[in-house]
Amino acid sequence: MNRSKFVAILTGVISLILGIAYLMLVQLLDLRGEMVPAPVGLLLLFF
């Protein structure tokens, strides 16, 4: 196997791993429930 073919396969495997990890992270964050914004009164205390 020549070097360019090896690099192509390696980058493909890395991109698949990153894609699957991203999908798992999104699913994990989605399981936490609804995102509720911070109360406006507390935000004004810091400015």
Protein backbone atom coordinates (compact mmCIF):
# COMPACT_ATOMS: atom_id res chain seq x y z
CA MET A 1 0.00 0.00 0.00
CA ASN A 2 1.52 3.32 -1.00
CA ARG A 3 1.68 6.29 1.31
CA SER A 4 -1.12 8.41 -0.24
CA LYS A 5 -3.60 5.54 0.06
CA PHE A 6 -2.63 5.02 3.69
CA VAL A 7 -3.07 8.73 4.47
CA ALA A 8 -6.47 8.74 2.76
CA ILE A 9 -7.67 5.75 4.78
CA LEU A 10 -6.27 7.20 8.01
CA THR A 11 -7.96 10.58 7.53
CA GLY A 12 -11.23 8.81 6.66
CA VAL A 13 -11.08 6.77 9.85
CA ILE A 14 -10.27 9.87 11.91
CA SER A 15 -13.19 11.78 10.37
CA LEU A 16 -15.57 8.90 11.09
CA ILE A 17 -14.43 8.77 14.71
CA LEU A 18 -14.87 12.53 15.10
CA GLY A 19 -18.32 12.40 13.48
CA ILE A 20 -19.52 9.59 15.74
CA ALA A 21 -18.08 11.32 18.82
CA TYR A 22 -19.88 14.54 17.85
CA LEU A 23 -23.20 12.73 17.43
CA MET A 24 -22.77 11.03 20.79
CA LEU A 25 -21.99 14.38 22.45
CA VAL A 26 -25.08 15.99 20.92
CA GLN A 27 -27.26 13.11 22.11
CA LEU A 28 -25.78 13.33 25.59
CA LEU A 29 -26.42 17.07 25.80
CA ASP A 30 -29.94 16.58 24.45
CA LEU A 31 -30.75 14.10 27.21
CA ARG A 32 -30.23 16.79 29.86
CA GLY A 33 -33.60 18.29 29.03
CA GLU A 34 -34.86 21.68 28.10
CA MET A 35 -32.44 24.60 28.19
CA VAL A 36 -33.83 27.27 30.52
CA PRO A 37 -32.33 30.78 30.23
CA ALA A 38 -30.97 32.53 33.29
CA PRO A 39 -33.33 34.95 35.06
CA VAL A 40 -32.95 38.51 33.77
CA GLY A 41 -32.71 39.95 37.29
CA LEU A 42 -29.56 37.98 38.02
CA LEU A 43 -27.95 39.02 34.77
CA LEU A 44 -28.35 42.72 35.62
CA LEU A 45 -26.41 42.27 38.89
CA PHE A 46 -23.21 41.50 37.03
CA PHE A 47 -23.21 44.57 34.76
